[in-house]
């Protein structure tokens, strides 16, 4: 069990930071530290008890010190700060922007009505907002709501990243179809500003949200390509590690250093360690070091669901993939399919209870969706990064790689839409019931009955499904609308339009949906009555004509 020797230290840092952030009391954290050390000592693990104690003291001391700094900080009436990451669009409208403020130990959340594209990471802003207390656990106790004014554009690496993002986004809008315009910048550079709220929800409902932005898989692909290139040149292990490190630093510099990217960088690097140094360093060691380093650097990650999901998915793949691969291999299905299925199930098993706790519902189709899109993920990153560089140069140089990767992003979007349209794609769930259900699934797989397990899961799905109900509806207000008076004006809709509404009431009600050549839905509310749009791309008239 030597490969688990760093687990107690990682647990100490993570758990004690959570206790301190939730309770605000160093006493409770200290008691937990003492109890954990005594348990390890009682189990005759003196070295583990010492490691637990040292790392625990560091976590408590650093978090407590930062809490004191945050409590002593008073926001000025006019704050000069820096945007620390990409703004996040909120459902109520506007964006959530995180601001690095002088003297405050953590980024401050600020809600503003400004367009997120006007606030790139690294921008210097003047903050004039109303501050209020927040009940969200973390170092900061304040949240702002008001106006931001950009006083200076990004500089240095932030300027480079912003320039690359702008160039790629503009080239993508002119080159690829509607289904790919949001995915390409997201999967390549973590820029999800081109994705609508409906698209983001679509990827969440199908368990593909980790693909619609930068994830550990992207980082693993980038670093692995660097290693393979060095091996083809017969370069040694040290050069391979150096090349992977340079590729990783360059990639992180392009996509930014916000917490989600750092999570992806380190969890992706853990996957690389499994390839490069499995004989010298277990992947679980790399994961534990990543947890310790990230939480000590940013204690707020300890109470972040995103961080918990990243760590859980990586740990699940490391621990469960070998266990599940062997029984699944006995099905005699193609090996590439079996490996993709084992990875998807391993990640799903450990992340689904966390998702149930966070959202109260889980995706039933996430394993199916991830297996179906697995072959299309790597080409998007491998072709998208050169396209981002070529987009900076004059001329249509980025056209070829974007056209080559477009079928992959089209496929990912199509799979998401199809899976979301399946009956019972998402269900309300409690973490306990999720653990019980997956416990039976694991027992069936490990017990050597993969086909019987699949039949039972399918039978439950059919029994629970209401086949008469349509797929989930997409709210029109979440889409980019274009309203015209006459049907002849439909072809003049601007790029990016997702729904066209025609006011002309003349003509007989249609008996089938209307779409443009680019498959943009066209609605005639004064002629056809109420028509709803659904996540699988279908339209349903309220009176049942189609």
Protein backbone atom coordinates (compact mmCIF):
# COMPACT_ATOMS: atom_id res chain seq x y z
CA UNK A 1 0.00 0.00 0.00
CA UNK A 2 3.01 2.30 -0.37
CA UNK A 3 1.31 4.00 -3.33
CA UNK A 4 -1.21 5.46 -0.83
CA UNK A 5 1.34 6.98 1.54
CA UNK A 6 0.58 10.57 0.49
CA UNK A 7 -3.20 10.17 0.80
CA UNK A 8 -3.39 11.04 4.55
CA UNK A 9 -1.41 14.23 3.94
CA UNK A 10 -3.71 15.29 1.09
CA UNK A 11 -6.76 14.48 3.21
CA UNK A 12 -5.34 16.56 6.08
CA UNK A 13 -4.79 19.65 3.94
CA UNK A 14 -8.17 19.41 2.21
CA UNK A 15 -10.31 18.46 5.22
CA UNK A 16 -8.77 20.90 7.70
CA UNK A 17 -9.08 23.77 5.21
CA UNK A 18 -12.76 22.92 4.73
CA UNK A 19 -13.34 22.89 8.51
CA UNK A 20 -11.65 26.24 8.95
CA UNK A 21 -13.52 27.86 6.05
CA UNK A 22 -16.90 26.52 7.18
CA UNK A 23 -16.57 27.17 10.92
CA UNK A 24 -14.11 30.07 10.98
CA UNK A 25 -12.63 28.51 14.11
CA UNK A 26 -9.03 27.32 14.31
CA UNK A 27 -10.00 25.40 17.46
CA UNK A 28 -12.22 22.94 15.58
CA UNK A 29 -9.58 22.53 12.90
CA UNK A 30 -6.94 21.93 15.58
CA UNK A 31 -9.08 19.28 17.29
CA UNK A 32 -9.59 17.51 13.96
CA UNK A 33 -5.83 17.65 13.38
CA UNK A 34 -5.14 16.15 16.78
CA UNK A 35 -7.73 13.40 16.30
CA UNK A 36 -6.34 12.40 12.90
CA UNK A 37 -2.77 12.29 14.17
CA UNK A 38 -3.75 10.16 17.17
CA UNK A 39 -5.65 7.69 14.98
CA UNK A 40 -2.62 7.25 12.72
CA UNK A 41 -0.30 6.89 15.72
CA UNK A 42 -2.66 4.29 17.26
CA UNK A 43 -2.46 2.37 13.97
CA UNK A 44 1.35 2.37 14.37
CA UNK A 45 1.89 4.72 11.46
CA UNK A 46 4.31 7.16 13.09
CA UNK A 47 5.57 8.55 9.78
CA UNK A 48 2.04 9.11 8.52
CA UNK A 49 1.07 10.78 11.80
CA UNK A 50 4.03 13.16 11.48
CA UNK A 51 3.23 13.97 7.84
CA UNK A 52 -0.45 14.47 8.70
CA UNK A 53 0.48 16.81 11.52
CA UNK A 54 3.02 18.91 9.57
CA UNK A 55 0.81 19.39 6.50
CA UNK A 56 -2.23 19.99 8.70
CA UNK A 57 -0.47 22.74 10.65
CA UNK A 58 0.62 24.38 7.38
CA UNK A 59 -2.94 24.29 6.02
CA UNK A 60 -4.44 25.72 9.21
CA UNK A 61 -1.80 28.43 9.54
CA UNK A 62 -1.99 29.63 5.93
CA UNK A 63 -5.79 29.59 5.81
CA UNK A 64 -6.16 31.30 9.20
CA UNK A 65 -3.69 34.02 8.20
CA UNK A 66 -5.58 34.69 4.97
CA UNK A 67 -8.88 34.76 6.82
CA UNK A 68 -7.51 37.46 9.12
CA UNK A 69 -6.32 39.49 6.13
CA UNK A 70 -9.76 39.26 4.49
CA UNK A 71 -11.54 40.21 7.73
CA UNK A 72 -9.32 43.27 8.19
CA UNK A 73 -9.76 44.50 4.61
CA UNK A 74 -12.16 47.39 4.07
CA UNK A 75 -13.33 48.05 0.49
CA UNK A 76 -12.66 51.62 -0.67
CA UNK A 77 -15.41 53.62 -2.34
CA UNK A 78 -13.46 53.52 -5.61
CA UNK A 79 -11.45 50.33 -6.04
CA UNK A 80 -8.71 49.80 -8.62
CA UNK A 81 -8.40 46.11 -9.42
CA UNK A 82 -7.56 43.52 -12.07
CA UNK A 83 -9.87 40.97 -13.69
CA UNK A 84 -8.53 37.62 -12.52
CA UNK A 85 -10.31 35.31 -14.96
CA UNK A 86 -12.88 35.01 -17.71
CA UNK A 87 -16.28 36.49 -16.74
CA UNK A 88 -19.10 33.99 -16.24
CA UNK A 89 -22.55 34.66 -17.66
CA UNK A 90 -25.34 34.29 -15.08
CA UNK A 91 -28.90 33.15 -15.76
CA UNK A 92 -30.44 36.40 -14.51
CA UNK A 93 -28.43 38.40 -17.06
CA UNK A 94 -25.08 40.12 -16.86
CA UNK A 95 -21.82 38.53 -15.80
CA UNK A 96 -19.95 37.51 -12.68
CA UNK A 97 -16.44 38.95 -12.70
CA UNK A 98 -13.70 38.10 -10.20
CA UNK A 99 -11.47 41.03 -9.27
CA UNK A 100 -8.02 40.90 -7.70
CA UNK A 101 -7.93 43.79 -5.22
CA UNK A 102 -4.80 45.10 -3.48
CA UNK A 103 -4.64 43.85 0.10
CA UNK A 104 -7.33 41.19 -0.28
CA UNK A 105 -6.10 37.56 -0.23
CA UNK A 106 -8.66 36.19 -2.71
CA UNK A 107 -10.49 37.42 -5.84
CA UNK A 108 -13.68 39.37 -5.09
CA UNK A 109 -16.87 38.39 -6.96
CA UNK A 110 -18.64 41.31 -8.66
CA UNK A 111 -21.90 41.17 -10.63
CA UNK A 112 -22.13 43.59 -13.53
CA UNK A 113 -24.31 44.20 -16.58
CA UNK A 114 -21.29 44.67 -18.84
CA UNK A 115 -20.67 42.20 -21.65
CA UNK A 116 -18.08 39.65 -20.59
CA UNK A 117 -16.17 40.13 -23.86
CA UNK A 118 -15.38 43.69 -22.77
CA UNK A 119 -13.67 42.40 -19.60
CA UNK A 120 -10.87 40.03 -20.62
CA UNK A 121 -8.63 38.53 -17.94
CA UNK A 122 -5.83 40.90 -16.97
CA UNK A 123 -7.83 44.08 -17.62
CA UNK A 124 -7.36 46.88 -15.09
CA UNK A 125 -10.75 48.12 -13.94
CA UNK A 126 -12.26 50.81 -11.75
CA UNK A 127 -14.83 49.23 -9.43
CA UNK A 128 -17.72 51.31 -8.11
CA UNK A 129 -20.19 48.85 -6.63
CA UNK A 130 -22.33 48.20 -3.60
CA UNK A 131 -20.74 45.62 -1.34
CA UNK A 132 -22.77 43.15 0.70
CA UNK A 133 -22.05 40.09 2.83
CA UNK A 134 -22.15 36.65 1.25
CA UNK A 135 -22.95 33.35 2.92
CA UNK A 136 -20.84 31.38 0.44
CA UNK A 137 -17.96 29.66 2.26
CA UNK A 138 -14.52 30.94 1.39
CA UNK A 139 -11.87 33.46 2.31
CA UNK A 140 -13.85 36.46 1.09
CA UNK A 141 -17.02 37.54 2.87
CA UNK A 142 -18.09 40.24 0.39
CA UNK A 143 -19.80 40.32 -3.01
CA UNK A 144 -20.22 43.42 -5.19
CA UNK A 145 -22.98 44.54 -7.51
CA UNK A 146 -22.59 47.59 -9.74
CA UNK A 147 -20.46 49.15 -12.44
CA UNK A 148 -17.00 48.39 -13.76
CA UNK A 149 -14.96 50.61 -16.03
CA UNK A 150 -11.92 49.35 -17.93
CA UNK A 151 -8.98 51.67 -17.27
CA UNK A 152 -6.29 49.67 -19.11
CA UNK A 153 -6.18 46.66 -21.41
CA UNK A 154 -4.34 43.45 -20.46
CA UNK A 155 -0.60 43.31 -20.88
CA UNK A 156 2.08 40.66 -20.97
CA UNK A 157 0.85 37.06 -21.25
CA UNK A 158 -2.73 38.17 -20.57
CA UNK A 159 -2.55 40.36 -23.69
CA UNK A 160 -1.19 37.47 -25.73
CA UNK A 161 -3.97 35.16 -24.52
CA UNK A 162 -6.64 37.79 -25.20
CA UNK A 163 -5.29 38.45 -28.70
CA UNK A 164 -5.24 34.74 -29.54
CA UNK A 165 -8.77 34.28 -28.23
CA UNK A 166 -10.07 37.22 -30.25
CA UNK A 167 -8.39 36.01 -33.41
CA UNK A 168 -9.61 32.42 -33.02
CA UNK A 169 -13.16 33.47 -32.15
CA UNK A 170 -13.38 35.74 -35.20
CA UNK A 171 -11.99 33.10 -37.53
CA UNK A 172 -14.28 30.40 -36.10
CA UNK A 173 -17.37 32.59 -36.63
CA UNK A 174 -16.45 32.96 -40.30
CA UNK A 175 -15.40 29.35 -40.94
CA UNK A 176 -17.45 26.73 -39.07
CA UNK A 177 -21.15 26.03 -38.65
CA UNK A 178 -23.48 26.95 -35.82
CA UNK A 179 -22.99 23.69 -33.94
CA UNK A 180 -19.21 24.22 -33.68
CA UNK A 181 -18.91 27.97 -32.98
CA UNK A 182 -19.22 27.60 -29.23
CA UNK A 183 -17.31 24.34 -28.85
CA UNK A 184 -14.11 25.15 -30.76
CA UNK A 185 -12.98 28.16 -28.65
CA UNK A 186 -14.13 26.35 -25.49
CA UNK A 187 -12.33 23.07 -26.10
CA UNK A 188 -9.17 24.70 -27.46
CA UNK A 189 -8.68 27.79 -25.26
CA UNK A 190 -11.37 27.55 -22.57
CA UNK A 191 -13.29 30.49 -24.07
CA UNK A 192 -16.99 29.70 -23.54
CA UNK A 193 -18.23 33.23 -24.27
CA UNK A 194 -19.62 32.09 -27.64
CA UNK A 195 -21.76 29.40 -26.02
CA UNK A 196 -25.38 30.25 -25.25
CA UNK A 197 -26.89 29.37 -21.89
CA UNK A 198 -28.91 26.66 -23.67
CA UNK A 199 -25.74 25.10 -25.07
CA UNK A 200 -24.03 25.15 -21.69
CA UNK A 201 -27.06 23.49 -20.09
CA UNK A 202 -27.11 20.94 -22.91
CA UNK A 203 -23.55 19.86 -22.11
CA UNK A 204 -24.28 19.77 -18.39
CA UNK A 205 -27.36 17.58 -18.90
CA UNK A 206 -25.36 15.06 -20.92
CA UNK A 207 -22.22 14.99 -18.78
CA UNK A 208 -20.12 16.68 -21.47
CA UNK A 209 -19.53 20.01 -19.75
CA UNK A 210 -15.90 19.02 -19.09
CA UNK A 211 -15.39 18.97 -22.87
CA UNK A 212 -17.02 22.34 -23.58
CA UNK A 213 -14.13 24.06 -21.75
CA UNK A 214 -10.50 23.27 -20.92
CA UNK A 215 -10.23 20.03 -18.93
CA UNK A 216 -7.55 17.64 -17.78
CA UNK A 217 -8.01 15.70 -21.01
CA UNK A 218 -6.88 18.72 -23.05
CA UNK A 219 -3.78 19.12 -20.92
CA UNK A 220 -2.97 15.42 -21.15
CA UNK A 221 -3.28 15.55 -24.94
CA UNK A 222 -0.97 18.57 -25.25
CA UNK A 223 1.73 17.15 -22.98
CA UNK A 224 1.48 13.64 -24.44
CA UNK A 225 2.01 15.00 -27.97
CA UNK A 226 5.15 16.77 -26.75
CA UNK A 227 6.42 13.51 -25.21
CA UNK A 228 5.63 11.44 -28.31
CA UNK A 229 7.45 13.99 -30.47
CA UNK A 230 10.54 13.68 -28.29
CA UNK A 231 10.39 9.88 -28.41
CA UNK A 232 10.18 9.93 -32.18
CA UNK A 233 13.38 12.00 -32.13
CA UNK A 234 14.93 9.38 -29.75
CA UNK A 235 15.38 11.96 -26.99
CA UNK A 236 15.76 10.82 -23.39
CA UNK A 237 13.28 10.86 -20.50
CA UNK A 238 14.62 14.13 -19.08
CA UNK A 239 14.12 15.93 -22.39
CA UNK A 240 10.64 14.42 -22.63
CA UNK A 241 9.72 15.78 -19.20
CA UNK A 242 11.19 19.17 -20.09
CA UNK A 243 9.25 19.29 -23.37
CA UNK A 244 6.02 18.32 -21.63
CA UNK A 245 6.61 21.02 -19.00
CA UNK A 246 7.23 23.69 -21.64
CA UNK A 247 4.11 22.60 -23.55
CA UNK A 248 2.10 22.70 -20.33
CA UNK A 249 3.34 26.18 -19.37
CA UNK A 250 2.65 27.51 -22.86
CA UNK A 251 -0.85 26.04 -22.89
CA UNK A 252 -1.69 27.43 -19.44
CA UNK A 253 -0.33 30.81 -20.51
CA UNK A 254 -2.68 30.86 -23.49
CA UNK A 255 -5.83 29.79 -21.65
CA UNK A 256 -5.15 31.70 -18.41
CA UNK A 257 -4.25 30.90 -14.82
CA UNK A 258 -7.71 30.92 -13.28
CA UNK A 259 -8.49 28.08 -10.82
CA UNK A 260 -10.39 25.92 -13.31
CA UNK A 261 -7.40 25.94 -15.67
CA UNK A 262 -4.94 25.15 -12.88
CA UNK A 263 -7.15 22.25 -11.81
CA UNK A 264 -7.16 20.96 -15.35
CA UNK A 265 -3.40 21.48 -15.68
CA UNK A 266 -2.49 19.49 -12.61
CA UNK A 267 -5.05 16.72 -13.03
CA UNK A 268 -4.01 16.35 -16.67
CA UNK A 269 -0.38 16.22 -15.59
CA UNK A 270 -1.28 13.33 -13.28
CA UNK A 271 -2.38 11.38 -16.35
CA UNK A 272 0.96 12.11 -17.99
CA UNK A 273 2.81 10.83 -14.91
CA UNK A 274 1.05 7.52 -15.38
CA UNK A 275 2.77 7.24 -18.77
CA UNK A 276 6.17 8.78 -18.08
CA UNK A 277 7.05 7.69 -14.60
CA UNK A 278 4.80 4.90 -13.49
CA UNK A 279 7.83 2.87 -12.44
CA UNK A 280 9.15 5.66 -10.25
CA UNK A 281 6.06 7.65 -9.28
CA UNK A 282 2.53 6.33 -8.90
CA UNK A 283 -0.22 8.48 -10.48
CA UNK A 284 -1.96 8.65 -7.10
CA UNK A 285 1.17 10.36 -5.74
CA UNK A 286 0.89 13.03 -8.40
CA UNK A 287 -2.78 13.54 -7.60
CA UNK A 288 -2.07 13.91 -3.88
CA UNK A 289 0.72 16.41 -4.55
CA UNK A 290 -1.66 18.34 -6.83
CA UNK A 291 -4.31 18.47 -4.09
CA UNK A 292 -1.81 19.58 -1.45
CA UNK A 293 -0.22 22.24 -3.64
CA UNK A 294 -3.47 23.68 -5.01
CA UNK A 295 -5.29 23.90 -1.67
CA UNK A 296 -2.29 25.47 0.08
CA UNK A 297 -2.00 27.99 -2.80
CA UNK A 298 -5.76 28.74 -2.98
CA UNK A 299 -7.78 27.58 0.06
CA UNK A 300 -11.07 28.48 -1.68
CA UNK A 301 -10.58 25.42 -3.90
CA UNK A 302 -11.26 23.23 -0.87
CA UNK A 303 -14.96 24.25 -0.93
CA UNK A 304 -15.26 24.30 -4.74
CA UNK A 305 -17.47 21.68 -6.38
CA UNK A 306 -15.40 21.99 -9.54
CA UNK A 307 -12.23 21.08 -7.65
CA UNK A 308 -13.95 18.12 -5.98
CA UNK A 309 -15.22 16.87 -9.35
CA UNK A 310 -11.77 17.16 -10.96
CA UNK A 311 -10.04 15.28 -8.15
CA UNK A 312 -12.78 12.66 -7.89
CA UNK A 313 -12.80 11.98 -11.64
CA UNK A 314 -9.01 11.60 -11.75
CA UNK A 315 -8.94 9.37 -8.67
CA UNK A 316 -11.80 7.27 -10.04
CA UNK A 317 -10.01 6.68 -13.34
CA UNK A 318 -6.76 5.78 -11.56
CA UNK A 319 -8.36 3.40 -9.04
CA UNK A 320 -11.34 1.89 -10.88
CA UNK A 321 -10.28 1.75 -14.52
CA UNK A 322 -8.14 -1.43 -14.11
CA UNK A 323 -10.86 -3.02 -11.96
CA UNK A 324 -13.61 -2.41 -14.52
CA UNK A 325 -11.56 -2.99 -17.67
CA UNK A 326 -11.00 -6.72 -17.03
CA UNK A 327 -14.67 -7.77 -16.77
CA UNK A 328 -15.68 -5.45 -19.62
CA UNK A 329 -12.96 -6.93 -21.83
CA UNK A 330 -14.67 -10.32 -21.53
CA UNK A 331 -17.60 -8.95 -23.54
CA UNK A 332 -15.34 -9.27 -26.66
CA UNK A 333 -16.28 -5.76 -27.76
CA UNK A 334 -13.57 -3.72 -29.58
CA UNK A 335 -10.76 -2.82 -27.19
CA UNK A 336 -10.95 0.91 -27.91
CA UNK A 337 -14.65 0.86 -27.02
CA UNK A 338 -14.02 -1.15 -23.84
CA UNK A 339 -11.31 1.26 -22.67
CA UNK A 340 -13.49 4.30 -23.34
CA UNK A 341 -16.38 2.66 -21.50
CA UNK A 342 -14.19 1.75 -18.50
CA UNK A 343 -12.88 5.34 -18.27
CA UNK A 344 -16.37 6.86 -18.58
CA UNK A 345 -17.89 4.53 -15.95
CA UNK A 346 -14.92 5.01 -13.59
CA UNK A 347 -15.25 8.80 -13.70
CA UNK A 348 -19.05 8.67 -13.51
CA UNK A 349 -19.10 6.44 -10.44
CA UNK A 350 -17.19 8.90 -8.26
CA UNK A 351 -18.50 12.19 -9.67
CA UNK A 352 -22.21 11.40 -9.85
CA UNK A 353 -22.78 11.50 -6.03
CA UNK A 354 -21.06 14.92 -5.93
CA UNK A 355 -23.25 16.15 -8.81
CA UNK A 356 -26.35 14.85 -7.03
CA UNK A 357 -25.33 16.75 -3.89
CA UNK A 358 -24.61 19.90 -5.90
CA UNK A 359 -27.57 19.97 -8.32
CA UNK A 360 -30.10 17.49 -6.94
CA UNK A 361 -30.18 15.66 -10.28
CA UNK A 362 -27.83 13.54 -12.38
CA UNK A 363 -27.39 12.67 -16.04
CA UNK A 364 -28.38 9.12 -16.90
CA UNK A 365 -26.87 9.40 -20.38
CA UNK A 366 -23.42 10.74 -19.39
CA UNK A 367 -21.60 7.42 -19.87
CA UNK A 368 -23.23 6.87 -23.27
CA UNK A 369 -22.44 10.43 -24.39
CA UNK A 370 -18.80 10.31 -23.24
CA UNK A 371 -18.17 6.98 -24.96
CA UNK A 372 -19.72 8.21 -28.21
CA UNK A 373 -17.65 11.42 -28.33
CA UNK A 374 -14.35 9.94 -27.08
CA UNK A 375 -12.75 9.52 -30.55
CA UNK A 376 -13.57 13.13 -31.47
CA UNK A 377 -11.93 14.86 -28.48
CA UNK A 378 -8.21 14.61 -29.27
CA UNK A 379 -8.45 15.90 -32.89
CA UNK A 380 -10.13 19.10 -31.69
CA UNK A 381 -7.21 19.96 -29.41
CA UNK A 382 -4.51 18.79 -31.84
CA UNK A 383 -5.95 20.79 -34.75
CA UNK A 384 -7.39 23.67 -32.72
CA UNK A 385 -4.10 24.87 -31.23
CA UNK A 386 -2.39 25.26 -34.63
CA UNK A 387 -5.55 26.96 -35.89
CA UNK A 388 -5.35 29.44 -33.00
CA UNK A 389 -1.79 30.31 -33.97
CA UNK A 390 -2.58 30.57 -37.69
CA UNK A 391 -5.57 32.82 -36.94
CA UNK A 392 -3.08 35.51 -35.89
CA UNK A 393 -1.53 35.59 -39.35
CA UNK A 394 -3.04 37.36 -42.34
CA UNK A 395 -4.95 35.29 -44.85
CA UNK A 396 -7.16 32.20 -44.46
CA UNK A 397 -4.39 29.99 -43.06
CA UNK A 398 -6.57 28.71 -40.21
CA UNK A 399 -9.31 27.60 -42.61
CA UNK A 400 -7.89 24.10 -43.22
CA UNK A 401 -7.39 22.93 -39.58
CA UNK A 402 -10.77 24.39 -38.60
CA UNK A 403 -12.51 22.59 -41.44
CA UNK A 404 -10.71 19.36 -40.51
CA UNK A 405 -11.84 19.55 -36.88
CA UNK A 406 -15.38 20.77 -37.60
CA UNK A 407 -16.79 17.24 -38.11
CA UNK A 408 -15.51 16.37 -34.62
CA UNK A 409 -17.14 19.34 -32.89
CA UNK A 410 -20.30 18.82 -34.96
CA UNK A 411 -20.35 15.22 -33.77
CA UNK A 412 -19.91 16.22 -30.10
CA UNK A 413 -22.73 18.76 -30.33
CA UNK A 414 -24.96 16.31 -32.20
CA UNK A 415 -24.36 13.58 -29.61
CA UNK A 416 -25.16 16.03 -26.82
CA UNK A 417 -28.39 17.11 -28.50
CA UNK A 418 -29.42 13.51 -29.25
CA UNK A 419 -28.63 12.22 -25.76
CA UNK A 420 -30.40 15.18 -24.13
CA UNK A 421 -33.43 14.36 -26.26
CA UNK A 422 -33.59 10.80 -24.98
CA UNK A 423 -36.37 10.09 -22.48
CA UNK A 424 -35.16 10.27 -18.89
CA UNK A 425 -31.85 11.93 -19.82
CA UNK A 426 -31.66 13.52 -16.35
CA UNK A 427 -33.33 12.39 -13.13
CA UNK A 428 -33.66 13.82 -9.64
CA UNK A 429 -31.32 11.94 -7.35
CA UNK A 430 -29.98 11.78 -3.82
CA UNK A 431 -26.27 11.01 -3.25
CA UNK A 432 -27.10 7.95 -1.14
CA UNK A 433 -29.31 6.39 -3.81
CA UNK A 434 -26.67 7.14 -6.44
CA UNK A 435 -24.08 5.25 -4.38
CA UNK A 436 -26.46 2.31 -3.88
CA UNK A 437 -27.31 2.12 -7.59
CA UNK A 438 -23.70 2.28 -8.71
CA UNK A 439 -22.74 -0.21 -6.02
CA UNK A 440 -25.00 -2.80 -7.65
CA UNK A 441 -23.60 -1.91 -11.08
CA UNK A 442 -20.00 -2.39 -9.90
CA UNK A 443 -20.96 -5.68 -8.21
CA UNK A 444 -22.48 -6.91 -11.47
CA UNK A 445 -19.45 -5.90 -13.55
CA UNK A 446 -16.78 -7.20 -11.16
CA UNK A 447 -18.81 -10.35 -10.57
CA UNK A 448 -18.43 -11.23 -14.24
CA UNK A 449 -21.94 -10.37 -15.44
CA UNK A 450 -21.52 -7.28 -17.68
CA UNK A 451 -24.29 -8.25 -20.12
CA UNK A 452 -26.78 -9.02 -17.34
CA UNK A 453 -25.92 -5.68 -15.72
CA UNK A 454 -26.51 -3.87 -19.02
CA UNK A 455 -29.86 -5.63 -19.46
CA UNK A 456 -30.99 -4.70 -15.94
CA UNK A 457 -29.98 -1.03 -16.41
CA UNK A 458 -31.77 -0.92 -19.76
CA UNK A 459 -34.87 -2.56 -18.26
CA UNK A 460 -34.94 0.06 -15.47
CA UNK A 461 -34.60 2.85 -18.04
CA UNK A 462 -37.47 1.50 -20.16
CA UNK A 463 -39.68 0.93 -17.12
CA UNK A 464 -39.03 4.44 -15.76
CA UNK A 465 -39.36 6.26 -19.08
CA UNK A 466 -42.45 8.15 -20.17
CA UNK A 467 -42.12 7.70 -23.94
CA UNK A 468 -45.06 10.01 -24.59
CA UNK A 469 -43.40 13.13 -23.16
CA UNK A 470 -41.28 15.32 -25.49
CA UNK A 471 -37.63 16.11 -24.71
CA UNK A 472 -36.77 19.07 -22.50
CA UNK A 473 -37.83 22.45 -23.88
CA UNK A 474 -35.31 25.19 -24.69
CA UNK A 475 -36.46 28.65 -23.47
CA UNK A 476 -36.61 31.12 -26.34
CA UNK A 477 -35.20 33.88 -24.16
CA UNK A 478 -31.96 31.92 -23.82
CA UNK A 479 -31.39 31.97 -27.60
CA UNK A 480 -30.26 34.62 -30.06
CA UNK A 481 -33.53 35.78 -31.70
CA UNK A 482 -34.02 37.65 -34.98
CA UNK A 483 -37.48 39.05 -35.75
CA UNK A 484 -38.61 39.86 -39.32
CA UNK A 485 -41.90 41.10 -40.79
CA UNK A 486 -41.92 39.09 -44.02
CA UNK A 487 -40.76 35.59 -44.85
CA UNK A 488 -38.58 37.00 -47.65
CA UNK A 489 -36.35 38.58 -44.98
CA UNK A 490 -35.44 35.23 -43.41
CA UNK A 491 -32.31 34.74 -45.56
CA UNK A 492 -30.93 38.09 -44.38
CA UNK A 493 -30.63 37.04 -40.73
CA UNK A 494 -27.26 38.04 -39.18
CA UNK A 495 -24.60 35.44 -38.30
CA UNK A 496 -25.13 33.80 -34.92
CA UNK A 497 -28.95 33.85 -35.14
CA UNK A 498 -30.43 30.78 -33.45
CA UNK A 499 -34.16 31.38 -33.97
CA UNK A 500 -35.98 33.49 -36.56
CA UNK A 501 -39.48 34.78 -35.76
CA UNK A 502 -41.72 35.88 -38.66
CA UNK A 503 -44.54 38.28 -37.79
CA UNK A 504 -46.46 37.78 -41.06
CA UNK A 505 -49.84 36.16 -40.17
CA UNK A 506 -50.88 35.29 -43.72
CA UNK A 507 -51.08 31.74 -45.00
CA UNK A 508 -52.44 28.46 -43.68
CA UNK A 509 -50.99 26.84 -40.53
CA UNK A 510 -48.08 24.55 -41.39
CA UNK A 511 -48.17 20.81 -40.78
CA UNK A 512 -44.41 20.51 -40.26
CA UNK A 513 -41.59 22.60 -38.70
CA UNK A 514 -39.85 25.33 -40.69
CA UNK A 515 -36.05 25.68 -40.81
CA UNK A 516 -33.52 27.50 -42.99
CA UNK A 517 -30.81 25.88 -45.12
CA UNK A 518 -28.49 26.30 -42.13
CA UNK A 519 -31.03 24.47 -39.94
CA UNK A 520 -32.03 27.58 -37.99
CA UNK A 521 -35.64 27.19 -36.70
CA UNK A 522 -38.18 29.62 -38.18
CA UNK A 523 -41.29 30.31 -36.08
CA UNK A 524 -44.58 31.84 -37.28
CA UNK A 525 -46.38 32.66 -33.99
CA UNK A 526 -49.24 34.60 -35.67
CA UNK A 527 -49.86 31.78 -38.17
CA UNK A 528 -48.98 28.53 -36.36
CA UNK A 529 -49.68 29.52 -32.76
CA UNK A 530 -47.34 28.52 -29.96
CA UNK A 531 -44.43 26.33 -31.12
CA UNK A 532 -41.80 25.09 -28.66
CA UNK A 533 -38.17 24.20 -29.35
CA UNK A 534 -36.57 21.17 -27.69
CA UNK A 535 -33.03 20.07 -26.89
CA UNK A 536 -33.01 17.40 -29.60
CA UNK A 537 -33.61 20.06 -32.26
CA UNK A 538 -37.29 19.26 -32.80
CA UNK A 539 -40.25 21.67 -32.78
CA UNK A 540 -43.64 20.91 -31.25
CA UNK A 541 -46.82 22.87 -32.00
CA UNK A 542 -49.08 23.43 -29.02
CA UNK A 543 -52.14 22.09 -30.93
CA UNK A 544 -50.29 18.88 -31.88
CA UNK A 545 -50.07 19.44 -35.66
CA UNK A 546 -46.36 18.61 -35.54
